Amino acid sequence: MEYVIFHEKCASFSLAMESVILQRARMYIGLGFLLKSNTFCFRTVLAMQRVQHRYETFK
């Protein structure tokens, strides 16, 4: 709860970002299962980290 109160200004943005990240994660996981490719999974993790980093710098 403290987190929500502290980041009240960014609350709507963070919720939107979290939903987008979750949707992308589900999509990537689905594609990963279809392809069963380790390199694809690795690239997906890197992409997710990049998105996370951009989100963190925005905060």
C-alpha atoms as a PDB file:
ATOM      1  CA  MET A   1       0.000   0.000   0.000  1.00  0.00           C
ATOM      2  CA  GLU A   2       2.879   2.388   0.796  1.00  0.00           C
ATOM      3  CA  TYR A   3       4.185   1.870  -2.733  1.00  0.00           C
ATOM      4  CA  VAL A   4       0.815   2.896  -4.210  1.00  0.00           C
ATOM      5  CA  ILE A   5       0.581   6.023  -2.018  1.00  0.00           C
ATOM      6  CA  PHE A   6       4.216   6.992  -2.649  1.00  0.00           C
ATOM      7  CA  HIS A   7       3.880   6.649  -6.433  1.00  0.00           C
ATOM      8  CA  GLU A   8       0.385   8.148  -6.656  1.00  0.00           C
ATOM      9  CA  LYS A   9       1.376  10.397  -9.579  1.00  0.00           C
ATOM     10  CA  CYS A  10       2.771   7.457 -11.563  1.00  0.00           C
ATOM     11  CA  ALA A  11       0.055   5.009 -10.462  1.00  0.00           C
ATOM     12  CA  SER A  12      -1.988   5.086 -13.675  1.00  0.00           C
ATOM     13  CA  PHE A  13       1.176   4.915 -15.810  1.00  0.00           C
ATOM     14  CA  SER A  14       2.646   2.024 -13.806  1.00  0.00           C
ATOM     15  CA  LEU A  15      -0.632   0.085 -14.009  1.00  0.00           C
ATOM     16  CA  ALA A  16      -0.760   0.620 -17.778  1.00  0.00           C
ATOM     17  CA  MET A  17       2.897  -0.441 -18.137  1.00  0.00           C
ATOM     18  CA  GLU A  18       2.369  -3.535 -15.971  1.00  0.00           C
ATOM     19  CA  SER A  19      -0.625  -4.643 -18.057  1.00  0.00           C
ATOM     20  CA  VAL A  20       1.346  -4.077 -21.293  1.00  0.00           C
ATOM     21  CA  ILE A  21       4.369  -5.992 -19.930  1.00  0.00           C
ATOM     22  CA  LEU A  22       2.128  -8.866 -18.778  1.00  0.00           C
ATOM     23  CA  GLN A  23       0.375  -9.029 -22.164  1.00  0.00           C
ATOM     24  CA  ARG A  24       3.736  -9.059 -23.973  1.00  0.00           C
ATOM     25  CA  ALA A  25       5.104 -11.658 -21.563  1.00  0.00           C
ATOM     26  CA  ARG A  26       2.127 -13.942 -22.219  1.00  0.00           C
ATOM     27  CA  MET A  27       2.532 -13.460 -25.983  1.00  0.00           C
ATOM     28  CA  TYR A  28       6.305 -14.132 -25.849  1.00  0.00           C
ATOM     29  CA  ILE A  29       5.826 -17.193 -23.623  1.00  0.00           C
ATOM     30  CA  GLY A  30       3.239 -18.557 -26.076  1.00  0.00           C
ATOM     31  CA  LEU A  31       5.596 -17.978 -29.022  1.00  0.00           C
ATOM     32  CA  GLY A  32       8.472 -19.493 -27.042  1.00  0.00           C
ATOM     33  CA  PHE A  33       6.489 -22.686 -26.446  1.00  0.00           C
ATOM     34  CA  LEU A  34       5.600 -22.828 -30.151  1.00  0.00           C
ATOM     35  CA  LEU A  35       9.190 -22.334 -31.322  1.00  0.00           C
ATOM     36  CA  LYS A  36      10.903 -24.138 -28.396  1.00  0.00           C
ATOM     37  CA  SER A  37      14.015 -22.106 -29.178  1.00  0.00           C
ATOM     38  CA  ASN A  38      16.503 -21.215 -26.427  1.00  0.00           C
ATOM     39  CA  THR A  39      17.923 -18.284 -28.395  1.00  0.00           C
ATOM     40  CA  PHE A  40      14.419 -16.866 -28.855  1.00  0.00           C
ATOM     41  CA  CYS A  41      13.745 -17.174 -25.112  1.00  0.00           C
ATOM     42  CA  PHE A  42      17.069 -15.460 -24.367  1.00  0.00           C
ATOM     43  CA  ARG A  43      16.253 -12.610 -26.768  1.00  0.00           C
ATOM     44  CA  THR A  44      12.821 -12.280 -25.178  1.00  0.00           C
ATOM     45  CA  VAL A  45      14.396 -11.956 -21.717  1.00  0.00           C
ATOM     46  CA  LEU A  46      16.751  -9.255 -23.034  1.00  0.00           C
ATOM     47  CA  ALA A  47      13.829  -7.392 -24.636  1.00  0.00           C
ATOM     48  CA  MET A  48      11.836  -7.585 -21.389  1.00  0.00           C
ATOM     49  CA  GLN A  49      14.840  -6.256 -19.430  1.00  0.00           C
ATOM     50  CA  ARG A  50      15.126  -3.353 -21.891  1.00  0.00           C
ATOM     51  CA  VAL A  51      11.424  -2.524 -21.389  1.00  0.00           C
ATOM     52  CA  GLN A  52      11.878  -2.771 -17.602  1.00  0.00           C
ATOM     53  CA  HIS A  53      14.928  -0.462 -17.765  1.00  0.00           C
ATOM     54  CA  ARG A  54      13.014   2.144 -19.792  1.00  0.00           C
ATOM     55  CA  TYR A  55      10.164   1.956 -17.250  1.00  0.00           C
ATOM     56  CA  GLU A  56      12.592   2.337 -14.310  1.00  0.00           C
ATOM     57  CA  THR A  57      14.321   5.381 -15.862  1.00  0.00           C
ATOM     58  CA  PHE A  58      10.895   6.984 -16.452  1.00  0.00           C
ATOM     59  CA  LYS A  59      10.045   6.583 -12.743  1.00  0.00           C
END
